Amino acid sequence: MSKWRVGIYVRLSSDDKDKQESNSIVNQKNMIKYMNNAAKQIFGQYTENDSLLDIKNANITPGFVEINSCILQKTNFENKEIKYNNDTQEFCFNAILQNFNNENVLFLNDITEQKQIQAEINEEKEKNYKILMTILPQKFIHPYQKGDKNISISVEFASLCFIDIVGFSSWSSTSNAGNVVNTLNEIYSIFDKNLSNYPTLTKIKNIGDCYFYSGGILTDINQPEKITKETVDFGLDAIDGLSEFNSRTSNNFKIRIGLHVGGPIVAGIIGSNHPVFELIGKPINIAQQMQLAGEHNTIHITRSVYEIIYGASYNIKEKGEISIKNEKILSYTLTRKL
């Protein structure tokens, strides 16, 4: 970082000693009294007694008018950022104006290089932030960037939902890699766009051809009925979105959806070099098993879900009991009411 040398002299970014001293002085009559060599090279040559008020007639670069307005101020100032362009280079100065014996003295510290470096750092930070936004929830990004070691929360109620594209793995084995990735990316883009319409929902991650999302994990106020309804509505949107995709691309993909609600759920960042947002809790396994035992283009829900949305405008049918780790769970199928 550049430092002041003495009084009116200043160290610049250049290694050339003659360009390392930049200062100018005017007296109370608004006449240029002195410019050092660096100031002359940056701002242009001048003749003795050139008037700053009549700068049009002086042999000084037009951009110096901005510097001129600073010199003519009647009040001292410091740490003022001034930008200047002499048609060949843009400079950024940290300026200090002081009055000595009825003469204004302008000290200019060239911080052009520092500003450029800081701009590059800020640009990289913005790029990193945008990358982290695709990996981590926004509220966890700042603690992660600060280096916090334990970034976690506990949620008493959440919805957990898995959407699996039926037969996608088999289909992908007969297609080229580019087509597989493009197809999956387009389908997930449809899901992501629809998910943004539901404020209580958060995408957790993609697991191959399975889309995992949750409701209530990051909401400030836990509203089980709203969370559950939004989770169901998004699942129905996913079915409709995939149907539209099939019509447009002449495909015949189907999905199975498994949904469960409950808690507690632990959510947090796992890993430091390659952070991942993870959910941990028994309800997650139940939702996953509901998806595996589900039917095509329906949402397979547990009794817990049914009790919350009972009476809402959905078509719900009892499916029967399923066994999950030696536990019997009553389940239902849910579709959109026509």
Protein backbone atom coordinates (compact mmCIF):
# COMPACT_ATOMS: atom_id res chain seq x y z
CA MET A 1 0.00 0.00 0.00
CA SER A 2 1.38 3.45 -0.92
CA LYS A 3 2.38 5.84 1.88
CA TRP A 4 2.98 9.57 2.16
CA ARG A 5 6.64 10.49 1.80
CA VAL A 6 6.74 14.11 3.06
CA GLY A 7 4.34 17.02 3.10
CA ILE A 8 3.10 17.72 -0.39
CA TYR A 9 4.84 14.76 -1.98
CA VAL A 10 3.16 11.45 -2.55
CA ARG A 11 4.25 8.01 -3.68
CA LEU A 12 2.46 6.81 -6.87
CA SER A 13 1.93 3.35 -8.30
CA SER A 14 4.73 3.79 -10.88
CA ASP A 15 8.31 2.70 -10.16
CA ASP A 16 9.61 5.82 -11.96
CA LYS A 17 10.82 8.14 -9.20
CA ASP A 18 9.95 11.23 -11.21
CA LYS A 19 6.35 10.02 -11.36
CA GLN A 20 6.19 9.20 -7.69
CA GLU A 21 5.62 12.77 -6.49
CA SER A 22 2.30 14.41 -7.35
CA ASN A 23 1.24 17.72 -5.84
CA SER A 24 0.09 21.15 -6.89
CA ILE A 25 -0.11 24.49 -5.12
CA VAL A 26 -2.13 27.62 -5.89
CA ASN A 27 -2.09 30.92 -4.05
CA GLN A 28 -5.05 32.97 -2.85
CA LYS A 29 -5.24 34.78 -6.18
CA ASN A 30 -6.18 31.51 -7.80
CA MET A 31 -2.94 31.33 -9.78
CA ILE A 32 -0.95 28.12 -10.14
CA LYS A 33 2.22 28.61 -8.11
CA TYR A 34 3.82 25.18 -8.33
CA MET A 35 3.31 21.67 -9.71
CA ASN A 36 5.87 18.94 -9.25
CA ASN A 37 6.96 16.81 -12.20
CA ALA A 38 4.49 14.01 -11.57
CA ALA A 39 1.59 16.47 -11.46
CA LYS A 40 2.75 18.00 -14.75
CA GLN A 41 2.91 14.59 -16.41
CA ILE A 42 -0.52 13.56 -15.13
CA PHE A 43 -2.41 16.83 -15.55
CA GLY A 44 -0.48 18.39 -18.44
CA GLN A 45 2.05 21.25 -18.81
CA TYR A 46 1.26 24.79 -17.76
CA THR A 47 2.84 28.26 -18.03
CA GLU A 48 3.75 30.35 -15.02
CA ASN A 49 0.80 32.25 -13.52
CA ASP A 50 -1.85 30.18 -15.36
CA SER A 51 -5.16 31.01 -13.76
CA LEU A 52 -7.31 28.16 -12.51
CA LEU A 53 -10.39 30.30 -13.06
CA ASP A 54 -9.42 30.81 -16.70
CA ILE A 55 -8.39 27.24 -17.26
CA LYS A 56 -9.62 27.21 -20.87
CA ASN A 57 -6.61 29.35 -21.80
CA ALA A 58 -4.10 27.22 -19.94
CA ASN A 59 -2.21 24.33 -21.49
CA ILE A 60 -3.73 21.82 -19.06
CA THR A 61 -5.81 18.74 -19.84
CA PRO A 62 -9.59 19.42 -19.69
CA GLY A 63 -10.10 16.80 -16.99
CA PHE A 64 -8.13 19.00 -14.62
CA VAL A 65 -11.27 21.09 -14.15
CA GLU A 66 -12.41 18.55 -11.54
CA ILE A 67 -9.13 18.90 -9.70
CA ASN A 68 -9.46 22.68 -10.06
CA SER A 69 -12.79 22.70 -8.22
CA CYS A 70 -11.18 20.87 -5.31
CA ILE A 71 -8.24 23.26 -5.13
CA LEU A 72 -10.50 26.31 -4.99
CA GLN A 73 -12.50 25.05 -2.00
CA LYS A 74 -12.22 27.26 1.05
CA THR A 75 -12.55 24.47 3.60
CA ASN A 76 -9.83 21.92 4.28
CA PHE A 77 -10.73 18.28 3.65
CA GLU A 78 -9.09 14.88 3.78
CA ASN A 79 -9.63 11.37 2.50
CA LYS A 80 -11.72 12.55 -0.42
CA GLU A 81 -11.76 10.22 -3.42
CA ILE A 82 -11.22 11.97 -6.76
CA LYS A 83 -11.28 10.35 -10.18
CA TYR A 84 -9.38 11.84 -13.10
CA ASN A 85 -8.98 10.85 -16.76
CA ASN A 86 -6.27 12.40 -18.94
CA ASP A 87 -7.46 10.58 -22.08
CA THR A 88 -4.71 7.97 -21.79
CA GLN A 89 -5.28 6.65 -18.29
CA GLU A 90 -7.88 6.88 -15.56
CA PHE A 91 -6.55 7.73 -12.12
CA CYS A 92 -8.11 7.50 -8.69
CA PHE A 93 -6.69 9.71 -5.94
CA ASN A 94 -7.13 10.03 -2.22
CA ALA A 95 -7.04 13.82 -1.80
CA ILE A 96 -6.23 16.12 1.11
CA LEU A 97 -6.59 19.90 0.88
CA GLN A 98 -4.87 22.16 3.39
CA ASN A 99 -4.24 25.89 3.59
CA PHE A 100 -0.75 27.14 4.45
CA ASN A 101 -0.01 30.88 4.69
CA ASN A 102 -2.96 31.82 2.48
CA GLU A 103 -2.09 29.21 -0.09
CA ASN A 104 -4.11 26.06 -0.83
CA VAL A 105 -2.10 22.87 -1.12
CA LEU A 106 -3.59 19.74 -2.66
CA PHE A 107 -1.99 16.42 -1.74
CA LEU A 108 -2.88 13.53 -4.05
CA ASN A 109 -2.22 9.91 -3.15
CA ASP A 110 -2.59 7.65 -6.18
CA ILE A 111 -4.81 4.72 -5.17
CA THR A 112 -5.59 3.61 -8.74
CA GLU A 113 -3.89 0.25 -8.36
CA GLN A 114 -5.49 -0.37 -4.97
CA LYS A 115 -8.95 0.39 -6.39
CA GLN A 116 -8.36 -1.94 -9.34
CA ILE A 117 -7.24 -4.74 -7.05
CA GLN A 118 -10.23 -4.17 -4.76
CA ALA A 119 -12.59 -4.18 -7.75
CA GLU A 120 -11.14 -7.54 -8.85
CA ILE A 121 -11.51 -8.90 -5.31
CA ASN A 122 -15.13 -7.70 -5.15
CA GLU A 123 -15.84 -9.28 -8.54
CA GLU A 124 -14.44 -12.62 -7.35
CA LYS A 125 -16.44 -12.38 -4.12
CA GLU A 126 -19.60 -11.78 -6.14
CA LYS A 127 -18.85 -14.80 -8.34
CA ASN A 128 -18.23 -16.97 -5.27
CA TYR A 129 -21.43 -15.71 -3.65
CA LYS A 130 -23.46 -16.60 -6.75
CA ILE A 131 -21.93 -20.09 -6.76
CA LEU A 132 -22.72 -20.55 -3.07
CA MET A 133 -26.30 -19.40 -3.73
CA THR A 134 -26.74 -22.50 -5.89
CA ILE A 135 -25.43 -24.76 -3.11
CA LEU A 136 -26.45 -23.27 0.23
CA PRO A 137 -29.50 -21.42 1.58
CA GLN A 138 -28.90 -17.67 1.59
CA LYS A 139 -29.13 -17.34 5.38
CA PHE A 140 -26.23 -19.81 5.78
CA ILE A 141 -23.85 -18.21 3.27
CA HIS A 142 -22.54 -15.38 5.48
CA PRO A 143 -21.74 -17.66 8.47
CA TYR A 144 -19.98 -20.05 6.07
CA GLN A 145 -17.91 -17.25 4.54
CA LYS A 146 -16.96 -16.08 8.05
CA GLY A 147 -15.59 -19.55 8.74
CA ASP A 148 -18.15 -20.62 11.36
CA LYS A 149 -17.58 -24.27 12.19
CA ASN A 150 -21.08 -25.23 13.30
CA ILE A 151 -23.82 -23.93 11.02
CA SER A 152 -27.01 -25.75 11.93
CA ILE A 153 -30.62 -25.36 13.01
CA SER A 154 -33.29 -27.65 14.44
CA VAL A 155 -36.84 -27.55 13.09
CA GLU A 156 -39.79 -29.05 14.95
CA PHE A 157 -42.01 -29.37 11.88
CA ALA A 158 -41.12 -29.68 8.21
CA SER A 159 -42.41 -31.27 5.04
CA LEU A 160 -40.12 -33.69 3.19
CA CYS A 161 -40.75 -34.63 -0.40
CA PHE A 162 -38.94 -36.73 -3.02
CA ILE A 163 -39.76 -36.66 -6.74
CA ASP A 164 -38.33 -39.53 -8.78
CA ILE A 165 -38.37 -39.64 -12.58
CA VAL A 166 -39.53 -43.18 -13.26
CA GLY A 167 -37.35 -45.19 -15.63
CA PHE A 168 -34.93 -42.35 -16.28
CA SER A 169 -31.88 -44.49 -15.49
CA SER A 170 -32.97 -47.11 -18.02
CA TRP A 171 -33.68 -44.46 -20.63
CA SER A 172 -30.30 -42.79 -20.04
CA SER A 173 -28.46 -46.05 -20.77
CA THR A 174 -29.73 -45.92 -24.36
CA SER A 175 -29.04 -42.22 -24.94
CA ASN A 176 -25.84 -40.19 -25.32
CA ALA A 177 -24.37 -38.31 -22.37
CA GLY A 178 -25.16 -34.84 -23.71
CA ASN A 179 -28.81 -35.68 -24.26
CA VAL A 180 -29.13 -37.20 -20.79
CA VAL A 181 -27.66 -34.13 -19.06
CA ASN A 182 -29.63 -31.65 -21.19
CA THR A 183 -32.91 -33.49 -20.60
CA LEU A 184 -32.43 -33.73 -16.85
CA ASN A 185 -31.33 -30.11 -16.69
CA GLU A 186 -34.42 -28.95 -18.58
CA ILE A 187 -36.77 -30.94 -16.35
CA TYR A 188 -35.12 -29.68 -13.17
CA SER A 189 -35.22 -26.12 -14.50
CA ILE A 190 -39.00 -26.48 -14.81
CA PHE A 191 -39.17 -27.71 -11.23
CA ASP A 192 -36.88 -24.93 -9.95
CA LYS A 193 -38.95 -22.23 -11.64
CA ASN A 194 -42.19 -23.57 -10.14
CA LEU A 195 -40.59 -23.95 -6.71
CA SER A 196 -39.81 -20.22 -6.62
CA ASN A 197 -43.57 -19.57 -6.47
CA TYR A 198 -43.79 -21.11 -2.99
CA PRO A 199 -42.07 -19.09 -0.23
CA THR A 200 -42.08 -21.85 2.40
CA LEU A 201 -40.29 -24.37 0.16
CA THR A 202 -36.56 -24.99 -0.26
CA LYS A 203 -34.80 -27.19 -2.76
CA ILE A 204 -32.40 -29.41 -0.85
CA LYS A 205 -30.58 -31.16 -3.70
CA ASN A 206 -30.78 -33.40 -6.73
CA ILE A 207 -29.82 -37.03 -6.24
CA GLY A 208 -29.37 -38.31 -9.77
CA ASP A 209 -32.88 -38.39 -11.23
CA CYS A 210 -34.50 -37.65 -7.85
CA TYR A 211 -35.49 -34.13 -6.79
CA PHE A 212 -35.54 -33.53 -3.03
CA TYR A 213 -37.27 -30.48 -1.54
CA SER A 214 -38.61 -29.46 1.85
CA GLY A 215 -41.03 -26.98 3.39
CA GLY A 216 -40.66 -25.01 6.61
CA ILE A 217 -36.92 -25.52 7.01
CA LEU A 218 -36.02 -21.86 6.57
CA THR A 219 -39.27 -20.07 7.41
CA ASP A 220 -39.29 -17.64 10.34
CA ILE A 221 -42.84 -18.64 11.36
CA ASN A 222 -43.77 -22.31 11.31
CA GLN A 223 -47.21 -22.72 9.74
CA PRO A 224 -47.84 -26.47 9.26
CA GLU A 225 -51.02 -26.07 7.20
CA LYS A 226 -49.48 -23.57 4.77
CA ILE A 227 -46.23 -25.53 4.52
CA THR A 228 -48.02 -28.80 3.79
CA LYS A 229 -50.38 -27.27 1.24
CA GLU A 230 -47.53 -25.56 -0.64
CA THR A 231 -45.56 -28.82 -0.67
CA VAL A 232 -48.54 -30.67 -2.17
CA ASP A 233 -49.29 -27.92 -4.70
CA PHE A 234 -45.71 -27.88 -5.93
CA GLY A 235 -45.80 -31.67 -6.34
CA LEU A 236 -48.91 -31.32 -8.51
CA ASP A 237 -47.17 -28.54 -10.48
CA ALA A 238 -44.25 -30.91 -11.06
CA ILE A 239 -46.62 -33.52 -12.54
CA ASP A 240 -48.19 -30.90 -14.83
CA GLY A 241 -44.80 -29.45 -15.78
CA LEU A 242 -43.43 -32.85 -16.75
CA SER A 243 -46.57 -33.56 -18.80
CA GLU A 244 -46.03 -30.33 -20.74
CA PHE A 245 -42.37 -31.23 -21.24
CA ASN A 246 -43.37 -34.64 -22.62
CA SER A 247 -45.77 -33.05 -25.10
CA ARG A 248 -43.16 -30.59 -26.28
CA THR A 249 -40.31 -33.10 -26.61
CA SER A 250 -42.25 -36.27 -27.59
CA ASN A 251 -41.14 -38.07 -24.41
CA ASN A 252 -43.18 -40.16 -22.01
CA PHE A 253 -41.55 -39.60 -18.61
CA LYS A 254 -43.54 -40.17 -15.42
CA ILE A 255 -42.78 -39.35 -11.82
CA ARG A 256 -43.42 -40.82 -8.38
CA ILE A 257 -43.75 -38.45 -5.44
CA GLY A 258 -43.43 -39.35 -1.77
CA LEU A 259 -44.43 -36.85 0.93
CA HIS A 260 -44.27 -36.91 4.71
CA VAL A 261 -44.42 -34.21 7.39
CA GLY A 262 -43.06 -34.21 10.91
CA GLY A 263 -39.99 -33.53 13.00
CA PRO A 264 -37.65 -32.81 14.50
CA ILE A 265 -35.34 -32.17 11.57
CA VAL A 266 -31.73 -31.04 11.85
CA ALA A 267 -30.49 -28.87 8.97
CA GLY A 268 -26.92 -27.72 8.51
CA ILE A 269 -23.79 -27.33 6.43
CA ILE A 270 -21.62 -30.44 6.12
CA GLY A 271 -18.06 -30.04 4.85
CA SER A 272 -15.76 -27.02 4.63
CA ASN A 273 -13.95 -27.24 1.28
CA HIS A 274 -17.01 -28.65 -0.50
CA PRO A 275 -20.01 -27.54 1.59
CA VAL A 276 -23.33 -29.34 1.27
CA PHE A 277 -26.67 -28.42 2.82
CA GLU A 278 -28.05 -31.55 4.49
CA LEU A 279 -31.17 -32.56 6.39
CA ILE A 280 -31.07 -35.26 9.06
CA GLY A 281 -34.01 -36.96 10.76
CA LYS A 282 -36.32 -39.97 10.69
CA PRO A 283 -39.10 -38.20 8.68
CA ILE A 284 -36.72 -37.98 5.72
CA ASN A 285 -36.41 -41.75 5.47
CA ILE A 286 -40.20 -42.12 5.67
CA ALA A 287 -40.69 -39.63 2.79
CA GLN A 288 -38.12 -41.52 0.72
CA GLN A 289 -39.89 -44.83 1.31
CA MET A 290 -43.22 -43.22 0.40
CA GLN A 291 -41.72 -42.22 -2.94
CA LEU A 292 -40.44 -45.75 -3.59
CA ALA A 293 -43.89 -47.23 -2.85
CA GLY A 294 -45.78 -44.59 -4.81
CA GLU A 295 -47.70 -44.73 -8.06
CA HIS A 296 -46.99 -42.96 -11.34
CA ASN A 297 -47.96 -39.27 -11.50
CA THR A 298 -49.48 -39.22 -8.02
CA ILE A 299 -48.36 -37.94 -4.64
CA HIS A 300 -48.05 -40.70 -2.05
CA ILE A 301 -48.79 -39.15 1.36
CA THR A 302 -48.76 -40.37 4.95
CA ARG A 303 -51.56 -40.09 7.48
CA SER A 304 -49.78 -37.06 8.99
CA VAL A 305 -50.15 -35.20 5.70
CA TYR A 306 -53.74 -36.35 5.23
CA GLU A 307 -54.80 -35.02 8.65
CA ILE A 308 -53.46 -31.54 7.86
CA ILE A 309 -54.96 -31.14 4.37
CA TYR A 310 -58.22 -33.06 4.99
CA GLY A 311 -61.09 -31.11 3.48
CA ALA A 312 -58.90 -29.24 1.00
CA SER A 313 -59.60 -29.31 -2.72
CA TYR A 314 -57.65 -32.46 -3.64
CA ASN A 315 -58.59 -35.90 -4.87
CA ILE A 316 -57.41 -38.25 -2.08
CA LYS A 317 -57.82 -42.02 -1.91
CA GLU A 318 -56.73 -44.41 0.81
CA LYS A 319 -53.97 -46.72 -0.44
CA GLY A 320 -53.50 -48.86 2.64
CA GLU A 321 -50.68 -49.65 5.01
CA ILE A 322 -47.05 -49.86 3.99
CA SER A 323 -44.20 -51.21 6.11
CA ILE A 324 -41.22 -48.96 6.81
CA LYS A 325 -38.56 -50.52 9.04
CA ASN A 326 -41.06 -52.82 10.73
CA GLU A 327 -43.47 -49.93 11.26
CA LYS A 328 -46.91 -49.88 9.64
CA ILE A 329 -47.90 -46.53 8.11
CA LEU A 330 -51.31 -45.76 6.64
CA SER A 331 -50.90 -44.04 3.27
CA TYR A 332 -52.99 -42.26 0.65
CA THR A 333 -52.66 -41.25 -2.99
CA LEU A 334 -53.30 -37.65 -3.94
CA THR A 335 -53.98 -36.11 -7.35
CA ARG A 336 -55.32 -32.79 -8.55
CA LYS A 337 -59.11 -32.47 -8.36
CA LEU A 338 -60.50 -31.98 -11.85
